[in-house]
Protein backbone atom coordinates (compact mmCIF):
# COMPACT_ATOMS: atom_id res chain seq x y z
CA MET A 1 5.18 -51.89 -6.05
CA ARG A 2 2.79 -48.92 -6.09
CA GLN A 3 5.63 -46.43 -5.83
CA ALA A 4 7.41 -48.11 -8.75
CA ALA A 5 4.19 -47.92 -10.78
CA ALA A 6 3.84 -44.21 -9.97
CA ILE A 7 7.42 -43.53 -11.03
CA SER A 8 6.94 -45.55 -14.22
CA LEU A 9 3.76 -43.64 -15.06
CA GLY A 10 5.70 -40.41 -14.61
CA ILE A 11 8.43 -41.54 -16.97
CA ILE A 12 5.88 -42.77 -19.53
CA SER A 13 3.97 -39.49 -19.25
CA ILE A 14 7.06 -37.56 -20.33
CA GLY A 15 6.86 -39.36 -23.67
CA ASN A 16 3.28 -38.24 -24.36
CA THR A 17 2.26 -35.45 -22.01
CA ASN A 18 -0.79 -34.50 -24.09
CA PHE A 19 -2.32 -37.92 -23.54
CA PHE A 20 -1.25 -38.76 -19.99
CA LEU A 21 -1.06 -35.58 -17.92
CA GLN A 22 -4.70 -34.56 -18.06
CA LYS A 23 -5.65 -38.08 -17.00
CA VAL A 24 -3.16 -37.98 -14.12
CA PHE A 25 -4.58 -34.62 -12.93
CA GLU A 26 -8.10 -36.05 -13.03
CA MET A 27 -7.00 -39.10 -11.05
CA ILE A 28 -5.45 -36.86 -8.40
CA ASP A 29 -8.75 -35.02 -8.01
CA LYS A 30 -10.95 -38.12 -7.92
CA SER A 31 -8.84 -40.68 -6.08
CA PRO A 32 -8.94 -41.55 -2.38
CA MET A 33 -6.14 -40.34 -0.12
CA ALA A 34 -3.98 -43.48 -0.46
CA GLU A 35 -3.98 -43.27 -4.26
CA LYS A 36 -3.65 -39.49 -4.36
CA TYR A 37 -0.12 -39.81 -3.01
CA MET A 38 0.84 -42.15 -5.86
CA PHE A 39 -0.44 -39.82 -8.57
CA LEU A 40 1.28 -36.85 -6.94
CA SER A 41 4.44 -38.99 -7.01
CA THR A 42 3.91 -39.42 -10.74
CA VAL A 43 3.91 -35.65 -11.27
CA ARG A 44 6.92 -35.23 -8.98
CA GLU A 45 8.83 -37.72 -11.11
CA ILE A 46 8.09 -35.62 -14.19
CA ILE A 47 9.30 -32.51 -12.35
CA ILE A 48 12.53 -34.23 -11.37
CA ILE A 49 13.31 -35.61 -14.82
CA ARG A 50 11.95 -33.02 -17.22
CA PRO A 51 10.03 -30.08 -15.70
CA ASP A 52 9.68 -28.31 -19.05
CA CYS A 53 7.08 -30.95 -20.01
CA LEU A 54 4.74 -29.29 -17.55
CA ASP A 55 4.95 -25.78 -19.06
CA PRO A 56 1.51 -25.95 -20.74
CA TYR A 57 -0.03 -27.50 -17.62
CA LEU A 58 1.24 -25.18 -14.89
CA GLN A 59 -1.99 -23.15 -14.78
CA SER A 60 -3.96 -26.31 -13.96
CA LEU A 61 -1.27 -27.91 -11.81
CA MET A 62 -0.75 -25.04 -9.36
CA PRO A 63 -4.40 -24.80 -8.17
CA LEU A 64 -4.28 -28.56 -7.70
CA TYR A 65 -1.18 -28.21 -5.51
CA LEU A 66 -2.79 -25.37 -3.59
CA ALA A 67 -5.82 -27.58 -2.90
CA GLN A 68 -3.65 -30.51 -1.80
CA SER A 69 -1.41 -28.38 0.40
CA ASN A 70 -4.02 -28.31 3.17
CA SER A 71 -4.44 -32.08 3.24
CA ALA A 72 -4.60 -33.73 6.65
CA ASP A 73 -2.21 -36.37 5.27
CA GLU A 74 1.37 -35.25 5.92
CA PRO A 75 2.98 -37.41 3.17
CA ILE A 76 0.76 -35.65 0.62
CA ARG A 77 1.78 -32.23 1.94
CA ASN A 78 5.45 -33.31 1.81
CA ILE A 79 5.26 -34.39 -1.82
CA VAL A 80 3.42 -31.17 -2.69
CA ALA A 81 6.12 -29.11 -0.95
CA GLU A 82 8.88 -30.97 -2.78
CA SER A 83 7.16 -30.60 -6.14
CA ILE A 84 6.49 -26.88 -5.70
CA GLY A 85 10.06 -26.32 -4.52
CA LYS A 86 11.56 -28.07 -7.53
CA LEU A 87 9.19 -26.31 -9.93
CA PHE A 88 10.05 -22.94 -8.42
CA ILE A 89 13.64 -23.34 -9.63
CA THR A 90 12.53 -23.51 -13.27
CA HIS A 91 9.34 -21.37 -13.13
CA PRO A 92 9.74 -18.70 -10.43
CA THR A 93 7.60 -16.06 -12.12
CA VAL A 94 4.70 -18.46 -12.75
CA LEU A 95 4.73 -19.86 -9.21
CA SER A 96 5.19 -16.58 -7.34
CA PRO A 97 1.49 -15.55 -7.35
CA TYR A 98 0.46 -18.99 -6.07
CA ILE A 99 3.05 -18.83 -3.30
CA GLU A 100 1.83 -15.38 -2.30
CA LYS A 101 -1.75 -16.68 -2.24
CA ALA A 102 -0.71 -19.62 -0.06
CA PHE A 103 1.11 -17.36 2.40
CA ALA A 104 -2.06 -15.25 2.67
CA SER A 105 -4.13 -18.33 3.51
CA ASN A 106 -5.69 -18.91 6.93
CA ASP A 107 -4.91 -22.64 6.73
CA MET A 108 -1.76 -23.53 8.69
CA ASN A 109 -1.15 -26.71 6.66
CA THR A 110 -1.09 -24.68 3.45
CA ILE A 111 1.29 -22.10 4.90
CA ALA A 112 3.55 -24.81 6.31
CA THR A 113 3.60 -26.71 3.00
CA TYR A 114 4.58 -23.65 1.00
CA ALA A 115 7.14 -22.59 3.60
CA LYS A 116 8.68 -26.05 3.36
CA SER A 117 8.78 -25.86 -0.44
CA PHE A 118 11.63 -23.35 -0.25
CA LYS A 119 13.77 -26.01 1.40
CA TYR A 120 13.58 -28.05 -1.79
CA SER A 121 14.10 -25.15 -4.15
CA SER A 122 17.11 -23.82 -2.29
CA HIS A 123 18.96 -27.13 -2.29
CA ASN A 124 21.76 -26.71 -4.84
CA ASN A 125 20.07 -23.66 -6.34
CA SER A 126 22.54 -21.37 -8.03
CA GLN A 127 20.06 -18.47 -8.33
CA PRO A 128 19.19 -17.32 -4.80
CA HIS A 129 17.79 -14.00 -6.08
CA PHE A 130 14.55 -15.89 -6.86
CA PHE A 131 13.91 -16.09 -3.11
CA GLN A 132 14.25 -12.38 -2.36
CA PRO A 133 10.54 -11.55 -2.69
CA PHE A 134 9.70 -14.22 -0.10
CA ILE A 135 12.42 -13.75 2.51
CA GLY A 136 10.29 -11.20 4.39
CA ASN A 137 7.30 -13.57 4.40
CA LEU A 138 9.43 -16.43 5.67
CA ILE A 139 11.06 -14.36 8.40
CA GLY A 140 7.59 -13.23 9.48
CA LEU A 141 6.49 -16.86 9.75
CA ILE A 142 9.15 -17.62 12.36
CA GLY A 143 6.84 -16.09 14.95
CA ASN A 144 3.78 -18.08 13.84
CA LEU A 145 1.94 -19.90 16.62
CA ASP A 146 1.77 -23.14 14.63
CA LEU A 147 4.80 -25.28 15.42
CA SER A 148 4.97 -26.96 11.99
CA VAL A 149 4.90 -23.57 10.23
CA ARG A 150 7.82 -22.38 12.38
CA ARG A 151 9.76 -25.62 11.92
CA TYR A 152 9.40 -25.73 8.14
CA THR A 153 10.16 -22.04 7.85
CA LEU A 154 13.37 -22.42 9.82
CA GLU A 155 14.37 -25.47 7.76
CA SER A 156 13.85 -23.52 4.54
CA LEU A 157 15.67 -20.41 5.73
CA SER A 158 18.53 -22.53 7.01
CA MET A 159 18.84 -24.30 3.66
CA MET A 160 18.64 -21.00 1.76
CA PHE A 161 21.39 -19.37 3.79
CA TYR A 162 23.54 -22.49 3.73
CA ASN A 163 23.39 -22.74 -0.08
CA SER A 164 23.74 -19.06 -0.92
């Protein structure tokens, strides 16, 4: 029921982004962990259906994703990775500085989340040249001591090479 409500809110938000999106961003910041996932699902639904709606909000959305990428809650990190990956397809130049900042982080959850995001952006992506600036970073992460960073990096690289 909650997931259906989150998806519905995402679809409704597309109709009036000026009214709904700022409220959704505020709810993500203020809500407890269980509700945070639902509001992040709302934004993901917008990204899936019509990512261009988020153009004016990317500068406020990306710091929010960066903050949520180090969450102790793995489902939240997964939805953040999926959202970033799908946004990267349509906004590679806007997202690149945020991805670079995440890869420079000391937090392993953040690095793992952003490494995993490439898995979602490389699925059925017809423009693999977007990934070129990050291939070196991803290859370097294969030797990371954190198992989840290595696993997500290998998943992303595998998907990139498979789809290119």
